Amino acid sequence: MSHRALSAMPPLYSLDLGLVDYQDARALQQRAAHLRISGELDGDLLLLCEHPAVVTLGRATKPGHLLTPADELTTLGVQVHDVERGGDITVHEPGQLVGYLVLDLKQHRKDLHWFLRQTEASIIEAVTPLGVAASTRAGLTGVWVDDRKLASIGVHARDWVTWHGFALNVVNDLSTFAHTVPCGIPDVVMTSVARECTARARESLPLLAHEVRRRVVEAVGAVFGLEPQGLPTGMRGELRVGS
């Protein structure tokens, strides 16, 4: 009898891609969403990764929120991409944990605002045991520590299947944010898990990053009522970067 057969909860398949190019990860999550819509992927999926420095411009990005011209950023080694997700401008860089959630909301609740709130709750649950006093802020999306922004969230959905997701600052140095008005919020201060849990920040940063990854998978499963487990063997070829 399979492990899934013994479980009363639907699965949350998880796959850690490591450091991966933004466009490769984008193509992979779109492929995963297609498989979830068609039913070939029989459970929800959390893709975890980090990206080289990249700025993404969501559908709500306002003129002037990119402070450094795109061609200048390219010469600095920072990619710039227009994307289909909601939200404003977002930054990714190594040391930040990016989570792409491919969830079939028809199996949960057909409500994108509910999905955003659940995603925020997942991040808060993941970082609170590390001593980070994270919360939400009325009228704003994302996760905060007082007035400092810890995580950004932007989603897109087709046939009630989501993709894109969250960017949680963990051990990144936040330098790429200087080229933007982060999330389109003037004067916002960005922060990270390492900066907020100063006692833990003195430990090995790779160990902290690994623990955050583990806690995020567990928290997403708990908040969405899913059981984390590895990707089925039959899907590993389909959900491989560059396949």
C-alpha atoms as a PDB file:
ATOM      1  CA  MET A   1       0.000   0.000   0.000  1.00  0.00           C
ATOM      2  CA  SER A   2       1.394   3.429  -0.940  1.00  0.00           C
ATOM      3  CA  HIS A   3       2.211   6.148   1.575  1.00  0.00           C
ATOM      4  CA  ARG A   4      -0.435   8.335  -0.055  1.00  0.00           C
ATOM      5  CA  ALA A   5      -3.065   5.626   0.346  1.00  0.00           C
ATOM      6  CA  LEU A   6      -2.411   5.627   4.080  1.00  0.00           C
ATOM      7  CA  SER A   7      -2.802   9.405   4.354  1.00  0.00           C
ATOM      8  CA  ALA A   8      -6.102  11.180   4.871  1.00  0.00           C
ATOM      9  CA  MET A   9      -4.718  14.402   3.364  1.00  0.00           C
ATOM     10  CA  PRO A  10      -4.073  15.194  -0.300  1.00  0.00           C
ATOM     11  CA  PRO A  11      -0.389  15.466  -1.225  1.00  0.00           C
ATOM     12  CA  LEU A  12       1.777  18.541  -1.490  1.00  0.00           C
ATOM     13  CA  TYR A  13       4.522  17.497  -3.867  1.00  0.00           C
ATOM     14  CA  SER A  14       7.703  19.518  -3.366  1.00  0.00           C
ATOM     15  CA  LEU A  15      10.749  19.929  -5.549  1.00  0.00           C
ATOM     16  CA  ASP A  16      13.855  21.967  -4.687  1.00  0.00           C
ATOM     17  CA  LEU A  17      15.511  23.275  -7.846  1.00  0.00           C
ATOM     18  CA  GLY A  18      18.449  25.008  -6.162  1.00  0.00           C
ATOM     19  CA  LEU A  19      19.869  28.034  -7.994  1.00  0.00           C
ATOM     20  CA  VAL A  20      18.127  28.260 -11.361  1.00  0.00           C
ATOM     21  CA  ASP A  21      17.688  30.873 -14.086  1.00  0.00           C
ATOM     22  CA  TYR A  22      14.434  32.789 -13.733  1.00  0.00           C
ATOM     23  CA  GLN A  23      13.174  32.037 -17.238  1.00  0.00           C
ATOM     24  CA  ASP A  24      13.899  28.314 -16.851  1.00  0.00           C
ATOM     25  CA  ALA A  25      11.919  28.241 -13.600  1.00  0.00           C
ATOM     26  CA  ARG A  26       9.113  30.228 -15.199  1.00  0.00           C
ATOM     27  CA  ALA A  27       8.853  27.736 -18.051  1.00  0.00           C
ATOM     28  CA  LEU A  28       8.861  24.849 -15.565  1.00  0.00           C
ATOM     29  CA  GLN A  29       6.053  26.269 -13.431  1.00  0.00           C
ATOM     30  CA  GLN A  30       3.965  26.950 -16.539  1.00  0.00           C
ATOM     31  CA  ARG A  31       4.473  23.332 -17.591  1.00  0.00           C
ATOM     32  CA  ALA A  32       3.557  22.175 -14.076  1.00  0.00           C
ATOM     33  CA  ALA A  33       0.389  24.297 -14.174  1.00  0.00           C
ATOM     34  CA  HIS A  34      -0.578  22.725 -17.512  1.00  0.00           C
ATOM     35  CA  LEU A  35      -0.092  19.255 -16.015  1.00  0.00           C
ATOM     36  CA  ARG A  36      -2.174  20.209 -12.965  1.00  0.00           C
ATOM     37  CA  ILE A  37      -4.977  21.622 -15.142  1.00  0.00           C
ATOM     38  CA  SER A  38      -5.028  18.485 -17.306  1.00  0.00           C
ATOM     39  CA  GLY A  39      -4.978  16.185 -14.266  1.00  0.00           C
ATOM     40  CA  GLU A  40      -1.702  14.523 -15.265  1.00  0.00           C
ATOM     41  CA  LEU A  41      -0.250  15.941 -12.048  1.00  0.00           C
ATOM     42  CA  ASP A  42      -2.596  14.562  -9.402  1.00  0.00           C
ATOM     43  CA  GLY A  43      -1.618  16.823  -6.518  1.00  0.00           C
ATOM     44  CA  ASP A  44      -0.563  20.369  -5.701  1.00  0.00           C
ATOM     45  CA  LEU A  45       3.088  21.313  -6.118  1.00  0.00           C
ATOM     46  CA  LEU A  46       5.562  23.602  -4.366  1.00  0.00           C
ATOM     47  CA  LEU A  47       8.682  24.459  -6.368  1.00  0.00           C
ATOM     48  CA  LEU A  48      11.488  25.960  -4.274  1.00  0.00           C
ATOM     49  CA  CYS A  49      14.489  27.728  -5.766  1.00  0.00           C
ATOM     50  CA  GLU A  50      16.826  30.677  -5.775  1.00  0.00           C
ATOM     51  CA  HIS A  51      17.524  32.938  -8.749  1.00  0.00           C
ATOM     52  CA  PRO A  52      20.501  34.938  -9.950  1.00  0.00           C
ATOM     53  CA  ALA A  53      19.785  38.657  -9.620  1.00  0.00           C
ATOM     54  CA  VAL A  54      16.607  39.503 -11.538  1.00  0.00           C
ATOM     55  CA  VAL A  55      13.912  42.174 -11.508  1.00  0.00           C
ATOM     56  CA  THR A  56      10.406  41.162 -12.593  1.00  0.00           C
ATOM     57  CA  LEU A  57       7.731  43.627 -13.624  1.00  0.00           C
ATOM     58  CA  GLY A  58       4.201  42.494 -12.784  1.00  0.00           C
ATOM     59  CA  ARG A  59       1.009  43.711 -14.410  1.00  0.00           C
ATOM     60  CA  ALA A  60       0.581  46.523 -11.851  1.00  0.00           C
ATOM     61  CA  THR A  61       4.119  47.959 -12.196  1.00  0.00           C
ATOM     62  CA  LYS A  62       4.002  51.748 -12.414  1.00  0.00           C
ATOM     63  CA  PRO A  63       6.340  53.947 -14.473  1.00  0.00           C
ATOM     64  CA  GLY A  64       9.291  55.039 -12.369  1.00  0.00           C
ATOM     65  CA  HIS A  65       9.379  51.991 -10.092  1.00  0.00           C
ATOM     66  CA  LEU A  66      12.437  50.701 -11.954  1.00  0.00           C
ATOM     67  CA  LEU A  67      15.057  53.190 -10.745  1.00  0.00           C
ATOM     68  CA  THR A  68      17.936  51.928 -12.891  1.00  0.00           C
ATOM     69  CA  PRO A  69      17.340  51.589 -16.665  1.00  0.00           C
ATOM     70  CA  ALA A  70      16.962  48.005 -17.859  1.00  0.00           C
ATOM     71  CA  ASP A  71      19.953  48.200 -20.206  1.00  0.00           C
ATOM     72  CA  GLU A  72      22.148  49.430 -17.368  1.00  0.00           C
ATOM     73  CA  LEU A  73      20.939  46.604 -15.125  1.00  0.00           C
ATOM     74  CA  THR A  74      21.818  44.115 -17.851  1.00  0.00           C
ATOM     75  CA  THR A  75      25.412  45.398 -17.878  1.00  0.00           C
ATOM     76  CA  LEU A  76      25.457  44.914 -14.095  1.00  0.00           C
ATOM     77  CA  GLY A  77      24.361  41.286 -14.515  1.00  0.00           C
ATOM     78  CA  VAL A  78      20.765  41.836 -13.387  1.00  0.00           C
ATOM     79  CA  GLN A  79      18.051  40.421 -15.639  1.00  0.00           C
ATOM     80  CA  VAL A  80      14.783  42.305 -16.209  1.00  0.00           C
ATOM     81  CA  HIS A  81      11.579  40.510 -17.265  1.00  0.00           C
ATOM     82  CA  ASP A  82       7.940  41.465 -17.786  1.00  0.00           C
ATOM     83  CA  VAL A  83       5.720  38.754 -16.287  1.00  0.00           C
ATOM     84  CA  GLU A  84       2.029  37.855 -16.232  1.00  0.00           C
ATOM     85  CA  ARG A  85       1.596  37.748 -12.454  1.00  0.00           C
ATOM     86  CA  GLY A  86      -0.284  40.365 -10.510  1.00  0.00           C
ATOM     87  CA  GLY A  87       1.480  42.915  -8.383  1.00  0.00           C
ATOM     88  CA  ASP A  88       4.190  45.490  -8.952  1.00  0.00           C
ATOM     89  CA  ILE A  89       7.961  45.218  -9.302  1.00  0.00           C
ATOM     90  CA  THR A  90       9.739  42.362  -7.511  1.00  0.00           C
ATOM     91  CA  VAL A  91      13.381  41.459  -6.944  1.00  0.00           C
ATOM     92  CA  HIS A  92      15.040  38.050  -6.737  1.00  0.00           C
ATOM     93  CA  GLU A  93      18.645  37.367  -5.823  1.00  0.00           C
ATOM     94  CA  PRO A  94      20.729  34.490  -4.419  1.00  0.00           C
ATOM     95  CA  GLY A  95      19.981  33.771  -0.757  1.00  0.00           C
ATOM     96  CA  GLN A  96      16.296  34.580  -1.181  1.00  0.00           C
ATOM     97  CA  LEU A  97      13.905  31.617  -1.101  1.00  0.00           C
ATOM     98  CA  VAL A  98      11.418  31.669  -3.966  1.00  0.00           C
ATOM     99  CA  GLY A  99       8.383  29.406  -3.715  1.00  0.00           C
ATOM    100  CA  TYR A 100       6.228  28.752  -6.771  1.00  0.00           C
ATOM    101  CA  LEU A 101       2.881  27.286  -5.741  1.00  0.00           C
ATOM    102  CA  VAL A 102       0.985  25.292  -8.355  1.00  0.00           C
ATOM    103  CA  LEU A 103      -2.322  24.709  -6.556  1.00  0.00           C
ATOM    104  CA  ASP A 104      -5.690  23.727  -7.949  1.00  0.00           C
ATOM    105  CA  LEU A 105      -7.993  26.096  -6.115  1.00  0.00           C
ATOM    106  CA  LYS A 106     -10.991  24.054  -7.248  1.00  0.00           C
ATOM    107  CA  GLN A 107      -9.781  21.541  -4.645  1.00  0.00           C
ATOM    108  CA  HIS A 108      -9.506  24.277  -1.993  1.00  0.00           C
ATOM    109  CA  ARG A 109     -11.459  27.510  -2.489  1.00  0.00           C
ATOM    110  CA  LYS A 110     -11.966  29.391  -5.732  1.00  0.00           C
ATOM    111  CA  ASP A 111     -10.766  32.662  -4.277  1.00  0.00           C
ATOM    112  CA  LEU A 112      -7.417  34.273  -5.113  1.00  0.00           C
ATOM    113  CA  HIS A 113      -7.607  36.597  -2.118  1.00  0.00           C
ATOM    114  CA  TRP A 114      -8.000  33.551   0.148  1.00  0.00           C
ATOM    115  CA  PHE A 115      -4.982  32.002  -1.565  1.00  0.00           C
ATOM    116  CA  LEU A 116      -2.894  35.129  -0.915  1.00  0.00           C
ATOM    117  CA  ARG A 117      -3.874  35.186   2.763  1.00  0.00           C
ATOM    118  CA  GLN A 118      -3.074  31.463   3.124  1.00  0.00           C
ATOM    119  CA  THR A 119       0.313  31.990   1.503  1.00  0.00           C
ATOM    120  CA  GLU A 120       1.074  34.831   3.914  1.00  0.00           C
ATOM    121  CA  ALA A 121       0.005  32.622   6.823  1.00  0.00           C
ATOM    122  CA  SER A 122       2.327  29.854   5.613  1.00  0.00           C
ATOM    123  CA  ILE A 123       5.350  32.146   5.631  1.00  0.00           C
ATOM    124  CA  ILE A 124       4.495  33.544   9.056  1.00  0.00           C
ATOM    125  CA  GLU A 125       4.127  30.024  10.459  1.00  0.00           C
ATOM    126  CA  ALA A 126       7.471  29.021   8.943  1.00  0.00           C
ATOM    127  CA  VAL A 127       9.566  31.887  10.360  1.00  0.00           C
ATOM    128  CA  THR A 128       7.938  32.453  13.753  1.00  0.00           C
ATOM    129  CA  PRO A 129       9.753  29.515  15.438  1.00  0.00           C
ATOM    130  CA  LEU A 130      13.036  31.130  14.335  1.00  0.00           C
ATOM    131  CA  GLY A 131      12.295  34.170  16.467  1.00  0.00           C
ATOM    132  CA  VAL A 132      11.027  36.382  13.627  1.00  0.00           C
ATOM    133  CA  ALA A 133       7.990  38.419  14.707  1.00  0.00           C
ATOM    134  CA  ALA A 134       6.329  38.325  11.293  1.00  0.00           C
ATOM    135  CA  SER A 135       2.809  39.511  10.509  1.00  0.00           C
ATOM    136  CA  THR A 136       0.647  41.024   7.801  1.00  0.00           C
ATOM    137  CA  ARG A 137      -0.237  44.692   7.332  1.00  0.00           C
ATOM    138  CA  ALA A 138      -3.734  45.931   6.611  1.00  0.00           C
ATOM    139  CA  GLY A 139      -4.205  46.873   2.976  1.00  0.00           C
ATOM    140  CA  LEU A 140      -0.844  45.472   1.865  1.00  0.00           C
ATOM    141  CA  THR A 141       0.119  42.077   0.469  1.00  0.00           C
ATOM    142  CA  GLY A 142       3.129  40.192   1.795  1.00  0.00           C
ATOM    143  CA  VAL A 143       4.752  39.444   5.140  1.00  0.00           C
ATOM    144  CA  TRP A 144       6.238  42.118   7.375  1.00  0.00           C
ATOM    145  CA  VAL A 145       8.221  42.605  10.565  1.00  0.00           C
ATOM    146  CA  ASP A 146       6.847  45.866  11.946  1.00  0.00           C
ATOM    147  CA  ASP A 147       7.265  48.250   8.977  1.00  0.00           C
ATOM    148  CA  ARG A 148       9.973  46.174   7.257  1.00  0.00           C
ATOM    149  CA  LYS A 149       8.998  43.867   4.412  1.00  0.00           C
ATOM    150  CA  LEU A 150      10.194  40.286   4.683  1.00  0.00           C
ATOM    151  CA  ALA A 151       8.361  38.521   1.836  1.00  0.00           C
ATOM    152  CA  SER A 152       6.583  39.518  -1.364  1.00  0.00           C
ATOM    153  CA  ILE A 153       3.773  37.601  -3.050  1.00  0.00           C
ATOM    154  CA  GLY A 154       2.425  37.710  -6.599  1.00  0.00           C
ATOM    155  CA  VAL A 155       0.223  35.143  -8.302  1.00  0.00           C
ATOM    156  CA  HIS A 156      -1.391  34.254 -11.587  1.00  0.00           C
ATOM    157  CA  ALA A 157      -4.081  31.659 -12.222  1.00  0.00           C
ATOM    158  CA  ARG A 158      -5.645  29.847 -15.141  1.00  0.00           C
ATOM    159  CA  ASP A 159      -8.662  27.569 -14.709  1.00  0.00           C
ATOM    160  CA  TRP A 160      -8.187  28.164 -10.951  1.00  0.00           C
ATOM    161  CA  VAL A 161      -4.686  26.675 -11.010  1.00  0.00           C
ATOM    162  CA  THR A 162      -2.094  29.063  -9.593  1.00  0.00           C
ATOM    163  CA  TRP A 163       1.485  29.726 -10.452  1.00  0.00           C
ATOM    164  CA  HIS A 164       4.097  32.250  -9.368  1.00  0.00           C
ATOM    165  CA  GLY A 165       4.096  32.614  -5.577  1.00  0.00           C
ATOM    166  CA  PHE A 166       6.323  34.164  -2.916  1.00  0.00           C
ATOM    167  CA  ALA A 167       9.819  35.552  -2.460  1.00  0.00           C
ATOM    168  CA  LEU A 168      11.080  35.247   1.114  1.00  0.00           C
ATOM    169  CA  ASN A 169      14.279  37.090   1.987  1.00  0.00           C
ATOM    170  CA  VAL A 170      16.381  34.661   3.999  1.00  0.00           C
ATOM    171  CA  VAL A 171      20.162  35.269   3.789  1.00  0.00           C
ATOM    172  CA  ASN A 172      20.338  37.540   0.720  1.00  0.00           C
ATOM    173  CA  ASP A 173      22.108  40.879   1.100  1.00  0.00           C
ATOM    174  CA  LEU A 174      19.144  42.849  -0.371  1.00  0.00           C
ATOM    175  CA  SER A 175      21.457  44.856  -2.656  1.00  0.00           C
ATOM    176  CA  THR A 176      19.396  44.339  -5.820  1.00  0.00           C
ATOM    177  CA  PHE A 177      16.400  46.071  -4.225  1.00  0.00           C
ATOM    178  CA  ALA A 178      18.288  49.396  -4.463  1.00  0.00           C
ATOM    179  CA  HIS A 179      17.499  49.474  -8.197  1.00  0.00           C
ATOM    180  CA  THR A 180      13.722  49.492  -7.608  1.00  0.00           C
ATOM    181  CA  VAL A 181      10.842  50.855  -5.599  1.00  0.00           C
ATOM    182  CA  PRO A 182      10.209  47.431  -4.025  1.00  0.00           C
ATOM    183  CA  CYS A 183       6.654  46.230  -4.610  1.00  0.00           C
ATOM    184  CA  GLY A 184       5.847  49.795  -5.689  1.00  0.00           C
ATOM    185  CA  ILE A 185       5.858  51.026  -2.068  1.00  0.00           C
ATOM    186  CA  PRO A 186       7.832  54.275  -1.655  1.00  0.00           C
ATOM    187  CA  ASP A 187      10.409  54.278   1.159  1.00  0.00           C
ATOM    188  CA  VAL A 188       9.721  50.651   2.085  1.00  0.00           C
ATOM    189  CA  VAL A 189      12.535  48.986   4.035  1.00  0.00           C
ATOM    190  CA  MET A 190      13.295  45.413   3.027  1.00  0.00           C
ATOM    191  CA  THR A 191      14.554  42.914   5.577  1.00  0.00           C
ATOM    192  CA  SER A 192      15.515  39.240   5.792  1.00  0.00           C
ATOM    193  CA  VAL A 193      15.235  36.305   8.162  1.00  0.00           C
ATOM    194  CA  ALA A 194      18.960  36.579   8.921  1.00  0.00           C
ATOM    195  CA  ARG A 195      18.641  40.269   9.837  1.00  0.00           C
ATOM    196  CA  GLU A 196      15.588  39.749  12.030  1.00  0.00           C
ATOM    197  CA  CYS A 197      16.776  36.761  14.047  1.00  0.00           C
ATOM    198  CA  THR A 198      20.146  38.176  14.947  1.00  0.00           C
ATOM    199  CA  ALA A 199      21.106  35.313  17.264  1.00  0.00           C
ATOM    200  CA  ARG A 200      20.518  32.795  14.483  1.00  0.00           C
ATOM    201  CA  ALA A 201      22.289  35.016  11.963  1.00  0.00           C
ATOM    202  CA  ARG A 202      25.530  34.407  13.819  1.00  0.00           C
ATOM    203  CA  GLU A 203      25.246  30.733  12.938  1.00  0.00           C
ATOM    204  CA  SER A 204      26.087  29.276   9.545  1.00  0.00           C
ATOM    205  CA  LEU A 205      23.941  31.008   6.943  1.00  0.00           C
ATOM    206  CA  PRO A 206      23.642  27.835   4.819  1.00  0.00           C
ATOM    207  CA  LEU A 207      22.221  26.016   7.851  1.00  0.00           C
ATOM    208  CA  LEU A 208      19.716  28.807   8.417  1.00  0.00           C
ATOM    209  CA  ALA A 209      18.704  28.726   4.747  1.00  0.00           C
ATOM    210  CA  HIS A 210      18.240  24.949   4.902  1.00  0.00           C
ATOM    211  CA  GLU A 211      16.073  25.190   8.020  1.00  0.00           C
ATOM    212  CA  VAL A 212      13.871  27.874   6.454  1.00  0.00           C
ATOM    213  CA  ARG A 213      13.337  25.657   3.387  1.00  0.00           C
ATOM    214  CA  ARG A 214      12.246  22.754   5.580  1.00  0.00           C
ATOM    215  CA  ARG A 215       9.938  24.889   7.680  1.00  0.00           C
ATOM    216  CA  VAL A 216       8.333  26.497   4.613  1.00  0.00           C
ATOM    217  CA  VAL A 217       7.424  23.110   3.123  1.00  0.00           C
ATOM    218  CA  GLU A 218       5.932  21.978   6.439  1.00  0.00           C
ATOM    219  CA  ALA A 219       4.034  25.242   6.928  1.00  0.00           C
ATOM    220  CA  VAL A 220       2.555  25.306   3.410  1.00  0.00           C
ATOM    221  CA  GLY A 221       1.352  21.751   3.951  1.00  0.00           C
ATOM    222  CA  ALA A 222      -0.168  22.555   7.340  1.00  0.00           C
ATOM    223  CA  VAL A 223      -1.911  25.774   6.261  1.00  0.00           C
ATOM    224  CA  PHE A 224      -3.361  24.326   3.055  1.00  0.00           C
ATOM    225  CA  GLY A 225      -4.239  20.959   4.610  1.00  0.00           C
ATOM    226  CA  LEU A 226      -1.802  18.968   2.478  1.00  0.00           C
ATOM    227  CA  GLU A 227       0.809  16.320   3.246  1.00  0.00           C
ATOM    228  CA  PRO A 228       4.320  17.186   2.005  1.00  0.00           C
ATOM    229  CA  GLN A 229       5.975  14.435   0.018  1.00  0.00           C
ATOM    230  CA  GLY A 230       8.430  13.957  -2.794  1.00  0.00           C
ATOM    231  CA  LEU A 231       7.514  14.226  -6.435  1.00  0.00           C
ATOM    232  CA  PRO A 232       6.198  10.954  -7.938  1.00  0.00           C
ATOM    233  CA  THR A 233       8.764   9.105 -10.009  1.00  0.00           C
ATOM    234  CA  GLY A 234       6.620   9.371 -13.109  1.00  0.00           C
ATOM    235  CA  MET A 235       6.605  13.162 -12.917  1.00  0.00           C
ATOM    236  CA  ARG A 236      10.340  13.687 -12.407  1.00  0.00           C
ATOM    237  CA  GLY A 237      11.120  13.660 -16.105  1.00  0.00           C
ATOM    238  CA  GLU A 238       8.213  15.962 -16.922  1.00  0.00           C
ATOM    239  CA  LEU A 239       9.201  18.462 -14.230  1.00  0.00           C
ATOM    240  CA  ARG A 240      12.895  18.806 -14.898  1.00  0.00           C
ATOM    241  CA  VAL A 241      14.494  22.155 -15.654  1.00  0.00           C
ATOM    242  CA  GLY A 242      15.079  22.414 -19.371  1.00  0.00           C
ATOM    243  CA  SER A 243      12.925  19.383 -20.277  1.00  0.00           C
END
